[in-house]
Amino acid sequence: MIGTPELVIILVIVLMLFGVGKLPQVAKMLGSGVKSFKDGINGKEEDEEPSVKKSEPELLEGDRVIDTKADERTKTSKMA
């Protein structure tokens, strides 16, 4: 079992290697690594994304795209 003196020595070595400023970043990376490891063991995949509805309809080969603003500009230029 690791006792208090060993933990203090490990903490001093970690502080010497990474410095006080980078310690929160190292802890965050370690936590995310442990989380992804647990997710991998449980069978969860990172690539799984919830289905997102597309805001624009998918165009098929025979479909035409109509620019309504261009139609409005054409109408106003013909009237002038």
PDB file of N, CA and C in Angstrom:
ATOM      1  N   MET A   1       0.836  -1.177   0.000  1.00  0.00           N
ATOM      2  CA  MET A   1       0.000   0.000   0.000  1.00  0.00           C
ATOM      3  C   MET A   1       0.880   1.239   0.000  1.00  0.00           C
ATOM      4  N   ILE A   2       0.457   2.261  -0.729  1.00  0.00           N
ATOM      5  CA  ILE A   2       1.220   3.506  -0.804  1.00  0.00           C
ATOM      6  C   ILE A   2       0.849   4.372   0.399  1.00  0.00           C
ATOM      7  N   GLY A   3       1.862   4.810   1.120  1.00  0.00           N
ATOM      8  CA  GLY A   3       1.635   5.635   2.301  1.00  0.00           C
ATOM      9  C   GLY A   3       1.766   7.115   1.990  1.00  0.00           C
ATOM     10  N   THR A   4       1.655   7.915   3.025  1.00  0.00           N
ATOM     11  CA  THR A   4       1.732   9.368   2.889  1.00  0.00           C
ATOM     12  C   THR A   4       3.095   9.841   2.385  1.00  0.00           C
ATOM     13  N   PRO A   5       4.209   9.330   2.912  1.00  0.00           N
ATOM     14  CA  PRO A   5       5.506   9.807   2.406  1.00  0.00           C
ATOM     15  C   PRO A   5       5.703   9.522   0.913  1.00  0.00           C
ATOM     16  N   GLU A   6       5.235   8.377   0.456  1.00  0.00           N
ATOM     17  CA  GLU A   6       5.368   8.046  -0.959  1.00  0.00           C
ATOM     18  C   GLU A   6       4.535   8.985  -1.830  1.00  0.00           C
ATOM     19  N   LEU A   7       3.310   9.303  -1.365  1.00  0.00           N
ATOM     20  CA  LEU A   7       2.455  10.218  -2.117  1.00  0.00           C
ATOM     21  C   LEU A   7       3.069  11.614  -2.199  1.00  0.00           C
ATOM     22  N   VAL A   8       3.702  12.063  -1.121  1.00  0.00           N
ATOM     23  CA  VAL A   8       4.352  13.374  -1.121  1.00  0.00           C
ATOM     24  C   VAL A   8       5.507  13.386  -2.114  1.00  0.00           C
ATOM     25  N   ILE A   9       6.287  12.325  -2.144  1.00  0.00           N
ATOM     26  CA  ILE A   9       7.410  12.236  -3.083  1.00  0.00           C
ATOM     27  C   ILE A   9       6.904  12.242  -4.525  1.00  0.00           C
ATOM     28  N   ILE A  10       5.848  11.493  -4.798  1.00  0.00           N
ATOM     29  CA  ILE A  10       5.264  11.456  -6.146  1.00  0.00           C
ATOM     30  C   ILE A  10       4.750  12.839  -6.534  1.00  0.00           C
ATOM     31  N   LEU A  11       4.090  13.534  -5.606  1.00  0.00           N
ATOM     32  CA  LEU A  11       3.568  14.868  -5.882  1.00  0.00           C
ATOM     33  C   LEU A  11       4.693  15.857  -6.182  1.00  0.00           C
ATOM     34  N   VAL A  12       5.790  15.776  -5.434  1.00  0.00           N
ATOM     35  CA  VAL A  12       6.933  16.663  -5.673  1.00  0.00           C
ATOM     36  C   VAL A  12       7.541  16.396  -7.046  1.00  0.00           C
ATOM     37  N   ILE A  13       7.655  15.137  -7.428  1.00  0.00           N
ATOM     38  CA  ILE A  13       8.210  14.795  -8.744  1.00  0.00           C
ATOM     39  C   ILE A  13       7.304  15.313  -9.859  1.00  0.00           C
ATOM     40  N   VAL A  14       5.990  15.152  -9.705  1.00  0.00           N
ATOM     41  CA  VAL A  14       5.038  15.638 -10.710  1.00  0.00           C
ATOM     42  C   VAL A  14       5.124  17.152 -10.826  1.00  0.00           C
ATOM     43  N   LEU A  15       5.217  17.850  -9.697  1.00  0.00           N
ATOM     44  CA  LEU A  15       5.339  19.308  -9.733  1.00  0.00           C
ATOM     45  C   LEU A  15       6.622  19.747 -10.418  1.00  0.00           C
ATOM     46  N   MET A  16       7.708  19.013 -10.200  1.00  0.00           N
ATOM     47  CA  MET A  16       8.980  19.353 -10.840  1.00  0.00           C
ATOM     48  C   MET A  16       8.918  19.120 -12.347  1.00  0.00           C
ATOM     49  N   LEU A  17       8.236  18.063 -12.769  1.00  0.00           N
ATOM     50  CA  LEU A  17       8.153  17.748 -14.197  1.00  0.00           C
ATOM     51  C   LEU A  17       7.251  18.725 -14.954  1.00  0.00           C
ATOM     52  N   PHE A  18       6.069  18.982 -14.422  1.00  0.00           N
ATOM     53  CA  PHE A  18       5.067  19.746 -15.163  1.00  0.00           C
ATOM     54  C   PHE A  18       4.944  21.191 -14.709  1.00  0.00           C
ATOM     55  N   GLY A  19       5.344  21.523 -13.518  1.00  0.00           N
ATOM     56  CA  GLY A  19       5.198  22.880 -13.008  1.00  0.00           C
ATOM     57  C   GLY A  19       3.802  23.115 -12.469  1.00  0.00           C
ATOM     58  N   VAL A  20       3.673  24.178 -11.694  1.00  0.00           N
ATOM     59  CA  VAL A  20       2.398  24.474 -11.046  1.00  0.00           C
ATOM     60  C   VAL A  20       1.357  24.924 -12.070  1.00  0.00           C
ATOM     61  N   GLY A  21       1.764  25.644 -13.092  1.00  0.00           N
ATOM     62  CA  GLY A  21       0.823  26.173 -14.080  1.00  0.00           C
ATOM     63  C   GLY A  21       0.182  25.106 -14.943  1.00  0.00           C
ATOM     64  N   LYS A  22       0.917  24.064 -15.262  1.00  0.00           N
ATOM     65  CA  LYS A  22       0.394  23.020 -16.155  1.00  0.00           C
ATOM     66  C   LYS A  22      -0.301  21.895 -15.396  1.00  0.00           C
ATOM     67  N   LEU A  23      -0.251  21.911 -14.087  1.00  0.00           N
ATOM     68  CA  LEU A  23      -0.839  20.827 -13.301  1.00  0.00           C
ATOM     69  C   LEU A  23      -2.344  20.668 -13.546  1.00  0.00           C
ATOM     70  N   PRO A  24      -3.151  21.749 -13.613  1.00  0.00           N
ATOM     71  CA  PRO A  24      -4.575  21.566 -13.921  1.00  0.00           C
ATOM     72  C   PRO A  24      -4.815  20.957 -15.303  1.00  0.00           C
ATOM     73  N   GLN A  25      -4.002  21.338 -16.286  1.00  0.00           N
ATOM     74  CA  GLN A  25      -4.149  20.771 -17.632  1.00  0.00           C
ATOM     75  C   GLN A  25      -3.830  19.284 -17.627  1.00  0.00           C
ATOM     76  N   VAL A  26      -2.786  18.905 -16.898  1.00  0.00           N
ATOM     77  CA  VAL A  26      -2.404  17.493 -16.820  1.00  0.00           C
ATOM     78  C   VAL A  26      -3.508  16.698 -16.141  1.00  0.00           C
ATOM     79  N   ALA A  27      -4.088  17.253 -15.068  1.00  0.00           N
ATOM     80  CA  ALA A  27      -5.170  16.559 -14.362  1.00  0.00           C
ATOM     81  C   ALA A  27      -6.393  16.403 -15.266  1.00  0.00           C
ATOM     82  N   LYS A  28      -6.699  17.434 -16.064  1.00  0.00           N
ATOM     83  CA  LYS A  28      -7.839  17.362 -16.981  1.00  0.00           C
ATOM     84  C   LYS A  28      -7.617  16.296 -18.049  1.00  0.00           C
ATOM     85  N   MET A  29      -6.406  16.259 -18.610  1.00  0.00           N
ATOM     86  CA  MET A  29      -6.103  15.246 -19.626  1.00  0.00           C
ATOM     87  C   MET A  29      -6.154  13.846 -19.028  1.00  0.00           C
ATOM     88  N   LEU A  30      -5.663  13.700 -17.808  1.00  0.00           N
ATOM     89  CA  LEU A  30      -5.696  12.397 -17.147  1.00  0.00           C
ATOM     90  C   LEU A  30      -7.135  11.959 -16.900  1.00  0.00           C
ATOM     91  N   GLY A  31      -7.975  12.890 -16.457  1.00  0.00           N
ATOM     92  CA  GLY A  31      -9.384  12.575 -16.221  1.00  0.00           C
ATOM     93  C   GLY A  31     -10.109  12.188 -17.491  1.00  0.00           C
ATOM     94  N   SER A  32      -9.857  12.908 -18.584  1.00  0.00           N
ATOM     95  CA  SER A  32     -10.520  12.565 -19.848  1.00  0.00           C
ATOM     96  C   SER A  32     -10.016  11.228 -20.384  1.00  0.00           C
ATOM     97  N   GLY A  33      -8.739  10.923 -20.129  1.00  0.00           N
ATOM     98  CA  GLY A  33      -8.210   9.622 -20.545  1.00  0.00           C
ATOM     99  C   GLY A  33      -8.853   8.478 -19.788  1.00  0.00           C
ATOM    100  N   VAL A  34      -9.041   8.665 -18.488  1.00  0.00           N
ATOM    101  CA  VAL A  34      -9.694   7.633 -17.671  1.00  0.00           C
ATOM    102  C   VAL A  34     -11.140   7.462 -18.111  1.00  0.00           C
ATOM    103  N   LYS A  35     -11.833   8.586 -18.409  1.00  0.00           N
ATOM    104  CA  LYS A  35     -13.227   8.510 -18.844  1.00  0.00           C
ATOM    105  C   LYS A  35     -13.349   7.764 -20.168  1.00  0.00           C
ATOM    106  N   SER A  36     -12.468   8.075 -21.120  1.00  0.00           N
ATOM    107  CA  SER A  36     -12.541   7.390 -22.411  1.00  0.00           C
ATOM    108  C   SER A  36     -12.179   5.915 -22.270  1.00  0.00           C
ATOM    109  N   PHE A  37     -11.278   5.604 -21.352  1.00  0.00           N
ATOM    110  CA  PHE A  37     -10.941   4.204 -21.100  1.00  0.00           C
ATOM    111  C   PHE A  37     -12.146   3.454 -20.543  1.00  0.00           C
ATOM    112  N   LYS A  38     -12.855   4.062 -19.588  1.00  0.00           N
ATOM    113  CA  LYS A  38     -14.047   3.423 -19.018  1.00  0.00           C
ATOM    114  C   LYS A  38     -15.140   3.274 -20.066  1.00  0.00           C
ATOM    115  N   ASP A  39     -15.309   4.307 -20.908  1.00  0.00           N
ATOM    116  CA  ASP A  39     -16.303   4.221 -21.977  1.00  0.00           C
ATOM    117  C   ASP A  39     -15.952   3.110 -22.961  1.00  0.00           C
ATOM    118  N   GLY A  40     -14.669   2.928 -23.236  1.00  0.00           N
ATOM    119  CA  GLY A  40     -14.234   1.856 -24.131  1.00  0.00           C
ATOM    120  C   GLY A  40     -14.508   0.486 -23.546  1.00  0.00           C
ATOM    121  N   ILE A  41     -14.328   0.359 -22.255  1.00  0.00           N
ATOM    122  CA  ILE A  41     -14.603  -0.918 -21.598  1.00  0.00           C
ATOM    123  C   ILE A  41     -16.095  -1.216 -21.624  1.00  0.00           C
ATOM    124  N   ASN A  42     -16.920  -0.187 -21.429  1.00  0.00           N
ATOM    125  CA  ASN A  42     -18.369  -0.376 -21.408  1.00  0.00           C
ATOM    126  C   ASN A  42     -18.965  -0.511 -22.803  1.00  0.00           C
ATOM    127  N   GLY A  43     -18.175  -0.313 -23.839  1.00  0.00           N
ATOM    128  CA  GLY A  43     -18.657  -0.503 -25.202  1.00  0.00           C
ATOM    129  C   GLY A  43     -19.169   0.756 -25.863  1.00  0.00           C
ATOM    130  N   LYS A  44     -19.011   1.897 -25.229  1.00  0.00           N
ATOM    131  CA  LYS A  44     -19.446   3.148 -25.846  1.00  0.00           C
ATOM    132  C   LYS A  44     -18.384   3.598 -26.826  1.00  0.00           C
ATOM    133  N   GLU A  45     -18.823   4.118 -27.963  1.00  0.00           N
ATOM    134  CA  GLU A  45     -17.909   4.594 -28.996  1.00  0.00           C
ATOM    135  C   GLU A  45     -17.930   6.112 -29.018  1.00  0.00           C
ATOM    136  N   GLU A  46     -16.779   6.738 -29.262  1.00  0.00           N
ATOM    137  CA  GLU A  46     -16.714   8.187 -29.393  1.00  0.00           C
ATOM    138  C   GLU A  46     -17.319   8.641 -30.707  1.00  0.00           C
ATOM    139  N   ASP A  47     -17.308   7.772 -31.702  1.00  0.00           N
ATOM    140  CA  ASP A  47     -17.779   8.147 -33.025  1.00  0.00           C
ATOM    141  C   ASP A  47     -19.294   8.218 -33.105  1.00  0.00           C
ATOM    142  N   GLU A  48     -19.989   7.698 -32.093  1.00  0.00           N
ATOM    143  CA  GLU A  48     -21.437   7.731 -32.120  1.00  0.00           C
ATOM    144  C   GLU A  48     -21.901   9.158 -31.891  1.00  0.00           C
ATOM    145  N   GLU A  49     -22.619   9.707 -32.870  1.00  0.00           N
ATOM    146  CA  GLU A  49     -23.143  11.056 -32.763  1.00  0.00           C
ATOM    147  C   GLU A  49     -24.654  10.983 -32.887  1.00  0.00           C
ATOM    148  N   PRO A  50     -25.347  11.807 -32.128  1.00  0.00           N
ATOM    149  CA  PRO A  50     -26.801  11.814 -32.287  1.00  0.00           C
ATOM    150  C   PRO A  50     -27.167  12.309 -33.675  1.00  0.00           C
ATOM    151  N   SER A  51     -28.249  11.767 -34.202  1.00  0.00           N
ATOM    152  CA  SER A  51     -28.641  12.162 -35.552  1.00  0.00           C
ATOM    153  C   SER A  51     -29.081  13.622 -35.546  1.00  0.00           C
ATOM    154  N   VAL A  52     -28.560  14.356 -36.491  1.00  0.00           N
ATOM    155  CA  VAL A  52     -28.858  15.778 -36.601  1.00  0.00           C
ATOM    156  C   VAL A  52     -29.621  15.996 -37.894  1.00  0.00           C
ATOM    157  N   LYS A  53     -30.735  16.695 -37.793  1.00  0.00           N
ATOM    158  CA  LYS A  53     -31.514  16.977 -38.993  1.00  0.00           C
ATOM    159  C   LYS A  53     -30.824  18.066 -39.791  1.00  0.00           C
ATOM    160  N   LYS A  54     -30.781  17.885 -41.092  1.00  0.00           N
ATOM    161  CA  LYS A  54     -30.179  18.887 -41.963  1.00  0.00           C
ATOM    162  C   LYS A  54     -31.166  20.029 -42.147  1.00  0.00           C
ATOM    163  N   SER A  55     -30.647  21.240 -42.164  1.00  0.00           N
ATOM    164  CA  SER A  55     -31.519  22.397 -42.324  1.00  0.00           C
ATOM    165  C   SER A  55     -31.919  22.588 -43.784  1.00  0.00           C
ATOM    166  N   GLU A  56     -31.108  22.109 -44.697  1.00  0.00           N
ATOM    167  CA  GLU A  56     -31.423  22.239 -46.112  1.00  0.00           C
ATOM    168  C   GLU A  56     -31.770  20.866 -46.680  1.00  0.00           C
ATOM    169  N   PRO A  57     -32.787  20.794 -47.522  1.00  0.00           N
ATOM    170  CA  PRO A  57     -33.136  19.500 -48.107  1.00  0.00           C
ATOM    171  C   PRO A  57     -32.049  19.025 -49.068  1.00  0.00           C
ATOM    172  N   GLU A  58     -31.945  17.733 -49.169  1.00  0.00           N
ATOM    173  CA  GLU A  58     -30.943  17.142 -50.056  1.00  0.00           C
ATOM    174  C   GLU A  58     -31.433  17.238 -51.500  1.00  0.00           C
ATOM    175  N   LEU A  59     -30.572  17.680 -52.396  1.00  0.00           N
ATOM    176  CA  LEU A  59     -30.945  17.835 -53.799  1.00  0.00           C
ATOM    177  C   LEU A  59     -30.704  16.541 -54.555  1.00  0.00           C
ATOM    178  N   LEU A  60     -31.656  16.178 -55.377  1.00  0.00           N
ATOM    179  CA  LEU A  60     -31.514  15.009 -56.228  1.00  0.00           C
ATOM    180  C   LEU A  60     -31.054  15.461 -57.602  1.00  0.00           C
ATOM    181  N   GLU A  61     -30.768  14.513 -58.473  1.00  0.00           N
ATOM    182  CA  GLU A  61     -30.173  14.822 -59.772  1.00  0.00           C
ATOM    183  C   GLU A  61     -31.060  15.718 -60.633  1.00  0.00           C
ATOM    184  N   GLY A  62     -32.355  15.495 -60.660  1.00  0.00           N
ATOM    185  CA  GLY A  62     -33.250  16.259 -61.525  1.00  0.00           C
ATOM    186  C   GLY A  62     -33.786  17.529 -60.892  1.00  0.00           C
ATOM    187  N   ASP A  63     -33.449  17.805 -59.646  1.00  0.00           N
ATOM    188  CA  ASP A  63     -33.970  18.981 -58.951  1.00  0.00           C
ATOM    189  C   ASP A  63     -33.307  20.259 -59.444  1.00  0.00           C
ATOM    190  N   ARG A  64     -34.078  21.344 -59.376  1.00  0.00           N
ATOM    191  CA  ARG A  64     -33.550  22.652 -59.746  1.00  0.00           C
ATOM    192  C   ARG A  64     -33.474  23.517 -58.501  1.00  0.00           C
ATOM    193  N   VAL A  65     -32.509  24.392 -58.484  1.00  0.00           N
ATOM    194  CA  VAL A  65     -32.373  25.346 -57.392  1.00  0.00           C
ATOM    195  C   VAL A  65     -32.853  26.690 -57.896  1.00  0.00           C
ATOM    196  N   ILE A  66     -33.778  27.291 -57.164  1.00  0.00           N
ATOM    197  CA  ILE A  66     -34.336  28.576 -57.570  1.00  0.00           C
ATOM    198  C   ILE A  66     -33.895  29.622 -56.555  1.00  0.00           C
ATOM    199  N   ASP A  67     -33.272  30.668 -57.051  1.00  0.00           N
ATOM    200  CA  ASP A  67     -32.839  31.767 -56.203  1.00  0.00           C
ATOM    201  C   ASP A  67     -33.960  32.794 -56.176  1.00  0.00           C
ATOM    202  N   THR A  68     -34.721  32.831 -55.091  1.00  0.00           N
ATOM    203  CA  THR A  68     -35.877  33.726 -55.022  1.00  0.00           C
ATOM    204  C   THR A  68     -35.456  35.181 -54.977  1.00  0.00           C
ATOM    205  N   LYS A  69     -34.322  35.479 -54.404  1.00  0.00           N
ATOM    206  CA  LYS A  69     -33.862  36.867 -54.364  1.00  0.00           C
ATOM    207  C   LYS A  69     -33.497  37.348 -55.769  1.00  0.00           C
ATOM    208  N   ALA A  70     -32.933  36.464 -56.577  1.00  0.00           N
ATOM    209  CA  ALA A  70     -32.610  36.833 -57.955  1.00  0.00           C
ATOM    210  C   ALA A  70     -33.893  37.090 -58.731  1.00  0.00           C
ATOM    211  N   ASP A  71     -34.946  36.290 -58.480  1.00  0.00           N
ATOM    212  CA  ASP A  71     -36.225  36.510 -59.145  1.00  0.00           C
ATOM    213  C   ASP A  71     -36.809  37.862 -58.758  1.00  0.00           C
ATOM    214  N   GLU A  72     -36.707  38.238 -57.490  1.00  0.00           N
ATOM    215  CA  GLU A  72     -37.227  39.522 -57.037  1.00  0.00           C
ATOM    216  C   GLU A  72     -36.447  40.670 -57.665  1.00  0.00           C
ATOM    217  N   ARG A  73     -35.126  40.525 -57.793  1.00  0.00           N
ATOM    218  CA  ARG A  73     -34.316  41.575 -58.415  1.00  0.00           C
ATOM    219  C   ARG A  73     -34.681  41.728 -59.888  1.00  0.00           C
ATOM    220  N   THR A  74     -34.949  40.610 -60.546  1.00  0.00           N
ATOM    221  CA  THR A  74     -35.315  40.656 -61.963  1.00  0.00           C
ATOM    222  C   THR A  74     -36.653  41.360 -62.134  1.00  0.00           C
ATOM    223  N   LYS A  75     -37.612  41.071 -61.262  1.00  0.00           N
ATOM    224  CA  LYS A  75     -38.926  41.704 -61.349  1.00  0.00           C
ATOM    225  C   LYS A  75     -38.822  43.202 -61.126  1.00  0.00           C
ATOM    226  N   THR A  76     -38.040  43.611 -60.142  1.00  0.00           N
ATOM    227  CA  THR A  76     -37.926  45.043 -59.862  1.00  0.00           C
ATOM    228  C   THR A  76     -37.168  45.766 -60.964  1.00  0.00           C
ATOM    229  N   SER A  77     -36.187  45.125 -61.584  1.00  0.00           N
ATOM    230  CA  SER A  77     -35.444  45.786 -62.661  1.00  0.00           C
ATOM    231  C   SER A  77     -36.297  45.903 -63.920  1.00  0.00           C
ATOM    232  N   LYS A  78     -37.208  44.955 -64.161  1.00  0.00           N
ATOM    233  CA  LYS A  78     -38.088  45.035 -65.325  1.00  0.00           C
ATOM    234  C   LYS A  78     -39.132  46.124 -65.136  1.00  0.00           C
ATOM    235  N   MET A  79     -39.573  46.359 -63.894  1.00  0.00           N
ATOM    236  CA  MET A  79     -40.579  47.377 -63.615  1.00  0.00           C
ATOM    237  C   MET A  79     -40.002  48.780 -63.724  1.00  0.00           C
ATOM    238  N   ALA A  80     -38.731  48.943 -63.510  1.00  0.00           N
ATOM    239  CA  ALA A  80     -38.119  50.284 -63.503  1.00  0.00           C
ATOM    240  C   ALA A  80     -37.856  50.829 -64.866  1.00  0.00           C
TER     241      ALA A  80
END
